[in-house]
Amino acid sequence: MKLTGVFLIETGVVNRGDGIGNIATVKKITTPDGIKIYFSPQSYKRALWNNLQKNYNWTLPLVTREGGVVQRTGTIIDSEEFDFGGTMVADPKYQRNTTFYVDQGISINNFSGDMEFMTNMGLASMYGENETNIINRENFYGIYLLPFGIEIDRIGVQEINLNVALEENEPMESKIRKIYSELGEGLTNQIENRLQEQLIGRVESIESPNNVITIRLKRDEIKRRLQQLLLAMGELGRQIEGSERNLSPYFAVFSRDYATPKFLLFIKDKLKKRESITENELHQYAQNDGKNVIVVTHENYTQIVNGIINQIFPQEQNI
């Protein structure tokens, strides 16, 4: 099961390039429709992880240097970010493919070469000098399209290739200790103060059929993670150049039927033609494919997201 979506975000420069001399550049990409501005999936995700850690008490992932690369390690037990973001380490014992896919945020309107001339005149005057430093900064403000997908069935499930012997009736605490001890020296110590109080309660089961350890988290824990991720996406910003860039969508479309957010094409065509996007047209577009979409605005985002979560995790009926 997959949840796909498209956000429409109206904001300024989110992510800059390396710069040329004293010119701070924007990230650009050439398309058949002209030169567009974009921000990277990495910059968006980093803003999102920071938001979740600050406002939803998500835990910082365990980070080590493996194979010459600094990466997230540990497991989905200790880190929500690891669960969604995964890791790039090739060693199978650390392998965790992302469950949360974000494409580039691409602008609808073209880059027009807007520039901003800046100096540090105020600071130079305070220092008692008349000579200032100059910087030219490329500027942009517009609407970005951000497609994404979440593999719901893989949230809270991880397979690890570890040479660890686990007994069927072994206490959960012992299983977790063995896994982290095998993953790397010092990881067990890093989770020690959270093991009894928090981590054990997250786990539904740990099994090792065919020498592959399978970790499954509890349903309520998976629900919490997905709900908080989506809510944080709806109220998100990124600090850059002493400003807060708004990354909250003013309009969004979700679907549990589309494997990829194909409805992005319909939205893009409407925006290029400067036509309004109506909820009925989006529903009709999806119905022509035999699918459904959920249309959201900034005014009802929280309500709709909570409704989506309740559809994915329906209340269990007592019989």
Protein backbone atom coordinates (compact mmCIF):
# COMPACT_ATOMS: atom_id res chain seq x y z
CA MET A 1 0.00 0.00 0.00
CA LYS A 2 1.32 3.41 -0.96
CA LEU A 3 0.28 6.97 -0.22
CA THR A 4 1.26 9.41 -2.96
CA GLY A 5 0.84 13.15 -3.02
CA VAL A 6 1.61 16.47 -4.65
CA PHE A 7 2.12 19.74 -2.76
CA LEU A 8 1.80 23.23 -4.17
CA ILE A 9 4.14 25.47 -2.20
CA GLU A 10 4.47 29.23 -2.68
CA THR A 11 7.78 30.52 -1.39
CA GLY A 12 11.13 32.07 -2.26
CA VAL A 13 14.62 30.59 -2.62
CA VAL A 14 14.79 27.42 -0.53
CA ASN A 15 18.11 25.96 -1.61
CA ARG A 16 21.13 27.74 -3.16
CA GLY A 17 23.99 26.54 -5.33
CA ASP A 18 27.72 26.92 -4.67
CA GLY A 19 27.84 30.51 -5.92
CA ILE A 20 30.03 32.22 -8.51
CA GLY A 21 32.47 34.77 -7.10
CA ASN A 22 30.40 37.17 -5.00
CA ILE A 23 27.14 36.02 -6.61
CA ALA A 24 24.92 33.75 -4.54
CA THR A 25 23.16 31.61 -7.12
CA VAL A 26 19.86 29.77 -7.05
CA LYS A 27 19.56 26.14 -8.10
CA LYS A 28 18.39 26.04 -11.73
CA ILE A 29 17.38 23.35 -14.14
CA THR A 30 16.70 23.64 -17.87
CA THR A 31 13.38 22.22 -19.05
CA PRO A 32 11.48 22.28 -22.36
CA ASP A 33 9.39 25.09 -20.84
CA GLY A 34 12.35 27.25 -19.78
CA ILE A 35 14.75 27.62 -16.87
CA LYS A 36 13.13 26.52 -13.61
CA ILE A 37 14.21 26.92 -10.00
CA TYR A 38 14.29 23.89 -7.76
CA PHE A 39 15.13 22.75 -4.28
CA SER A 40 16.59 19.34 -3.56
CA PRO A 41 14.88 16.43 -1.79
CA GLN A 42 17.73 16.45 0.72
CA SER A 43 17.11 20.07 1.74
CA TYR A 44 13.39 19.40 2.14
CA LYS A 45 13.91 16.23 4.17
CA ARG A 46 16.48 17.87 6.44
CA ALA A 47 14.03 20.69 7.20
CA LEU A 48 11.36 18.07 7.89
CA TRP A 49 13.54 15.97 10.21
CA ASN A 50 14.55 19.10 12.14
CA ASN A 51 10.89 20.07 12.49
CA LEU A 52 9.91 16.61 13.75
CA GLN A 53 12.77 16.51 16.23
CA LYS A 54 11.93 19.96 17.56
CA ASN A 55 8.13 19.84 17.61
CA TYR A 56 7.29 16.13 17.87
CA ASN A 57 10.23 14.91 19.97
CA TRP A 58 11.59 12.58 17.31
CA THR A 59 14.90 11.06 18.32
CA LEU A 60 18.15 11.97 16.63
CA PRO A 61 19.35 8.92 14.66
CA LEU A 62 22.51 7.10 15.61
CA VAL A 63 25.28 8.22 13.25
CA THR A 64 28.60 6.47 12.61
CA ARG A 65 31.26 6.34 9.91
CA GLU A 66 30.94 3.13 7.92
CA GLY A 67 32.99 2.36 4.81
CA GLY A 68 34.35 5.91 4.83
CA VAL A 69 30.83 7.43 4.77
CA VAL A 70 29.05 9.10 7.67
CA GLN A 71 25.58 7.57 7.77
CA ARG A 72 22.61 6.75 9.93
CA THR A 73 22.99 3.38 11.62
CA GLY A 74 21.01 1.62 14.33
CA THR A 75 17.54 0.31 13.47
CA ILE A 76 13.95 1.47 13.06
CA ILE A 77 13.48 0.79 16.78
CA ASP A 78 15.54 3.74 18.02
CA SER A 79 14.92 6.27 15.23
CA GLU A 80 11.81 7.41 13.40
CA GLU A 81 14.03 9.23 10.92
CA PHE A 82 15.90 6.01 10.15
CA ASP A 83 12.54 4.31 9.53
CA PHE A 84 11.55 6.83 6.83
CA GLY A 85 14.93 8.06 5.59
CA GLY A 86 16.95 4.86 5.57
CA THR A 87 20.66 4.79 4.90
CA MET A 88 23.04 4.51 1.95
CA VAL A 89 25.57 2.17 3.56
CA ALA A 90 26.05 -0.84 1.29
CA ASP A 91 26.81 -3.28 4.11
CA PRO A 92 23.67 -5.50 4.33
CA LYS A 93 23.53 -5.27 8.11
CA TYR A 94 22.87 -1.53 7.87
CA GLN A 95 20.80 -1.56 4.69
CA ARG A 96 17.52 0.32 4.99
CA ASN A 97 15.89 1.62 1.83
CA THR A 98 13.86 4.76 2.35
CA THR A 99 10.09 4.44 2.77
CA PHE A 100 9.56 8.16 2.10
CA TYR A 101 10.35 9.34 -1.42
CA VAL A 102 10.49 13.04 -2.27
CA ASP A 103 11.18 14.43 -5.72
CA GLN A 104 12.74 17.81 -6.46
CA GLY A 105 10.56 20.82 -5.78
CA ILE A 106 10.32 22.38 -9.27
CA SER A 107 8.96 25.88 -9.86
CA ILE A 108 6.05 26.49 -12.22
CA ASN A 109 7.23 29.95 -13.24
CA ASN A 110 10.58 30.50 -14.97
CA PHE A 111 13.67 32.17 -13.57
CA SER A 112 13.81 35.74 -14.90
CA GLY A 113 17.29 36.70 -13.74
CA ASP A 114 16.19 38.75 -10.71
CA MET A 115 19.15 39.99 -8.67
CA GLU A 116 19.54 41.61 -5.28
CA PHE A 117 22.46 43.89 -4.44
CA MET A 118 23.56 43.74 -0.80
CA THR A 119 26.28 45.17 1.41
CA ASN A 120 27.21 45.04 5.08
CA MET A 121 27.10 48.84 5.38
CA GLY A 122 25.45 48.79 8.79
CA LEU A 123 28.09 46.57 10.34
CA ALA A 124 30.92 48.43 8.59
CA SER A 125 29.67 51.72 10.06
CA MET A 126 29.54 50.18 13.51
CA TYR A 127 33.12 49.04 13.01
CA GLY A 128 34.13 52.56 11.97
CA GLU A 129 34.84 51.91 8.31
CA ASN A 130 33.32 53.31 5.13
CA GLU A 131 34.37 50.37 2.99
CA THR A 132 31.78 47.62 2.70
CA ASN A 133 31.64 44.07 1.40
CA ILE A 134 29.35 43.48 -1.55
CA ILE A 135 27.31 40.46 -2.50
CA ASN A 136 24.92 39.95 -5.38
CA ARG A 137 22.18 37.44 -4.78
CA GLU A 138 19.91 35.83 -7.36
CA ASN A 139 16.32 36.07 -6.24
CA PHE A 140 13.16 34.15 -6.97
CA TYR A 141 9.62 33.82 -5.66
CA GLY A 142 7.02 31.48 -7.07
CA ILE A 143 5.01 28.27 -6.90
CA TYR A 144 6.77 24.94 -6.57
CA LEU A 145 5.37 21.48 -7.31
CA LEU A 146 6.59 18.82 -4.88
CA PRO A 147 5.63 15.16 -5.58
CA PHE A 148 6.22 12.46 -2.96
CA GLY A 149 5.32 8.90 -2.04
CA ILE A 150 5.24 6.86 1.17
CA GLU A 151 5.39 3.05 1.24
CA ILE A 152 3.01 2.50 4.13
CA ASP A 153 3.42 -1.29 4.29
CA ARG A 154 7.17 -0.94 4.90
CA ILE A 155 6.93 1.57 7.75
CA GLY A 156 7.90 -0.13 11.00
CA VAL A 157 9.28 -3.25 9.29
CA GLN A 158 12.99 -3.94 8.81
CA GLU A 159 14.99 -6.95 7.70
CA ILE A 160 18.65 -7.17 8.77
CA ASN A 161 21.31 -9.69 7.77
CA LEU A 162 23.03 -10.35 11.08
CA ASN A 163 24.75 -13.40 12.46
CA VAL A 164 22.85 -13.31 15.75
CA ALA A 165 21.19 -16.30 17.41
CA LEU A 166 17.79 -15.37 18.83
CA GLU A 167 15.72 -17.78 20.86
CA GLU A 168 11.98 -17.92 20.20
CA ASN A 169 10.99 -17.17 23.81
CA GLU A 170 13.92 -14.86 24.54
CA PRO A 171 12.97 -11.60 26.30
CA MET A 172 12.60 -8.61 23.97
CA GLU A 173 15.24 -6.63 25.85
CA SER A 174 17.78 -9.38 25.29
CA LYS A 175 17.01 -9.56 21.56
CA ILE A 176 17.44 -5.81 21.14
CA ARG A 177 20.73 -5.83 23.05
CA LYS A 178 22.09 -8.61 20.85
CA ILE A 179 21.13 -6.79 17.65
CA TYR A 180 22.74 -3.50 18.65
CA SER A 181 25.82 -5.21 20.00
CA GLU A 182 26.33 -6.91 16.64
CA LEU A 183 25.60 -3.74 14.64
CA GLY A 184 28.54 -1.86 16.07
CA GLU A 185 30.67 -1.16 19.08
CA GLY A 186 29.11 1.48 21.27
CA LEU A 187 25.59 1.45 19.80
CA THR A 188 24.22 -0.52 22.74
CA ASN A 189 25.58 2.10 25.15
CA GLN A 190 23.93 4.89 23.14
CA ILE A 191 20.45 3.38 23.54
CA GLU A 192 20.92 2.03 27.07
CA ASN A 193 19.10 4.86 28.87
CA ARG A 194 16.10 4.54 26.53
CA LEU A 195 15.88 0.76 26.31
CA GLN A 196 13.61 -0.03 29.25
CA GLU A 197 11.66 3.23 29.29
CA GLN A 198 10.85 3.65 25.58
CA LEU A 199 12.30 1.30 23.00
CA ILE A 200 10.96 -2.06 24.17
CA GLY A 201 7.41 -0.70 24.13
CA ARG A 202 7.70 0.15 20.44
CA VAL A 203 8.39 -3.40 19.25
CA GLU A 204 5.73 -5.92 18.29
CA SER A 205 8.09 -8.77 17.42
CA ILE A 206 11.66 -9.68 16.51
CA GLU A 207 12.08 -12.94 14.61
CA SER A 208 14.97 -14.54 12.75
CA PRO A 209 13.71 -17.01 10.14
CA ASN A 210 16.37 -18.18 7.66
CA ASN A 211 19.05 -16.20 9.55
CA VAL A 212 17.42 -12.88 8.57
CA ILE A 213 16.24 -10.79 11.51
CA THR A 214 12.83 -9.22 10.97
CA ILE A 215 11.81 -6.34 13.25
CA ARG A 216 8.15 -5.32 13.39
CA LEU A 217 6.92 -2.33 15.36
CA LYS A 218 3.53 -2.04 17.00
CA ARG A 219 0.57 -0.74 15.04
CA ASP A 220 0.15 2.31 17.30
CA GLU A 221 3.82 3.20 16.87
CA ILE A 222 3.58 3.00 13.07
CA LYS A 223 0.41 5.11 13.15
CA ARG A 224 2.10 7.72 15.35
CA ARG A 225 5.09 8.01 13.03
CA LEU A 226 3.07 8.39 9.83
CA GLN A 227 0.60 10.84 11.35
CA GLN A 228 3.34 13.06 12.76
CA LEU A 229 5.26 12.97 9.48
CA LEU A 230 2.23 14.16 7.48
CA LEU A 231 1.26 16.80 10.04
CA ALA A 232 4.81 18.18 10.08
CA MET A 233 4.80 18.37 6.27
CA GLY A 234 1.71 20.57 6.52
CA GLU A 235 3.42 23.13 8.75
CA LEU A 236 7.01 23.32 7.63
CA GLY A 237 9.67 25.96 7.14
CA ARG A 238 13.37 26.09 6.38
CA GLN A 239 15.82 28.63 7.73
CA ILE A 240 18.10 30.11 5.10
CA GLU A 241 19.98 33.43 4.97
CA GLY A 242 18.48 34.64 8.23
CA SER A 243 14.92 34.08 6.97
CA GLU A 244 12.28 31.42 7.33
CA ARG A 245 11.15 30.00 3.99
CA ASN A 246 7.62 28.67 4.12
CA LEU A 247 7.35 25.08 2.88
CA SER A 248 3.75 24.55 3.98
CA PRO A 249 1.46 23.59 1.09
CA TYR A 250 -1.41 25.93 0.28
CA PHE A 251 -2.95 23.16 -1.85
CA ALA A 252 -2.31 19.41 -1.83
CA VAL A 253 -3.61 16.21 -3.39
CA PHE A 254 -3.24 12.75 -1.84
CA SER A 255 -4.10 9.32 -3.20
CA ARG A 256 -3.99 5.78 -1.88
CA ASP A 257 -4.75 4.36 -5.32
CA TYR A 258 -2.05 5.84 -7.54
CA ALA A 259 1.31 4.05 -7.38
CA THR A 260 2.95 7.29 -8.53
CA PRO A 261 1.46 10.81 -8.36
CA LYS A 262 0.32 10.87 -12.00
CA PHE A 263 -2.18 13.61 -11.11
CA LEU A 264 0.83 15.92 -10.99
CA LEU A 265 0.50 16.19 -14.78
CA PHE A 266 -3.07 17.47 -14.56
CA ILE A 267 -2.12 20.03 -11.91
CA LYS A 268 0.92 21.15 -13.89
CA ASP A 269 -1.07 21.67 -17.10
CA LYS A 270 -3.65 23.76 -15.26
CA LEU A 271 -1.01 25.96 -13.66
CA LYS A 272 0.85 26.45 -16.95
CA LYS A 273 -2.38 27.61 -18.58
CA ARG A 274 -3.09 29.86 -15.57
CA GLU A 275 -6.38 28.06 -15.02
CA SER A 276 -7.96 27.43 -11.64
CA ILE A 277 -7.82 23.92 -10.23
CA THR A 278 -11.15 22.66 -8.93
CA GLU A 279 -11.75 19.71 -6.66
CA ASN A 280 -14.41 18.29 -9.00
CA GLU A 281 -12.00 18.30 -11.96
CA LEU A 282 -9.36 16.45 -9.95
CA HIS A 283 -11.89 13.84 -8.85
CA GLN A 284 -13.08 13.43 -12.43
CA TYR A 285 -9.50 13.04 -13.64
CA ALA A 286 -8.91 10.25 -11.10
CA GLN A 287 -12.24 8.56 -11.82
CA ASN A 288 -11.28 8.33 -15.49
CA ASP A 289 -8.37 6.18 -14.30
CA GLY A 290 -10.61 4.20 -11.98
CA LYS A 291 -8.95 5.76 -8.94
CA ASN A 292 -9.61 8.29 -6.19
CA VAL A 293 -7.81 11.37 -4.89
CA ILE A 294 -8.15 13.46 -1.75
CA VAL A 295 -7.96 17.23 -2.22
CA VAL A 296 -6.63 19.35 0.64
CA THR A 297 -6.17 23.05 1.31
CA HIS A 298 -4.15 24.81 3.99
CA GLU A 299 -7.42 25.46 5.85
CA ASN A 300 -8.44 21.81 6.29
CA TYR A 301 -5.04 20.11 6.07
CA THR A 302 -4.91 18.78 9.65
CA GLN A 303 -8.49 17.54 9.55
CA ILE A 304 -8.04 15.73 6.22
CA VAL A 305 -4.70 14.20 7.24
CA ASN A 306 -6.21 12.83 10.44
CA GLY A 307 -9.01 11.37 8.31
CA ILE A 308 -6.47 9.67 6.02
CA ILE A 309 -4.70 8.21 9.05
CA ASN A 310 -8.00 6.83 10.38
CA GLN A 311 -8.68 5.22 7.00
CA ILE A 312 -5.26 3.56 6.96
CA PHE A 313 -5.51 2.52 10.61
CA PRO A 314 -9.21 1.90 11.27
CA GLN A 315 -10.35 1.47 14.84
CA GLU A 316 -10.33 -2.19 15.81
CA GLN A 317 -13.80 -3.45 16.61
CA ASN A 318 -14.28 -5.48 19.77
CA ILE A 319 -16.30 -8.59 18.98
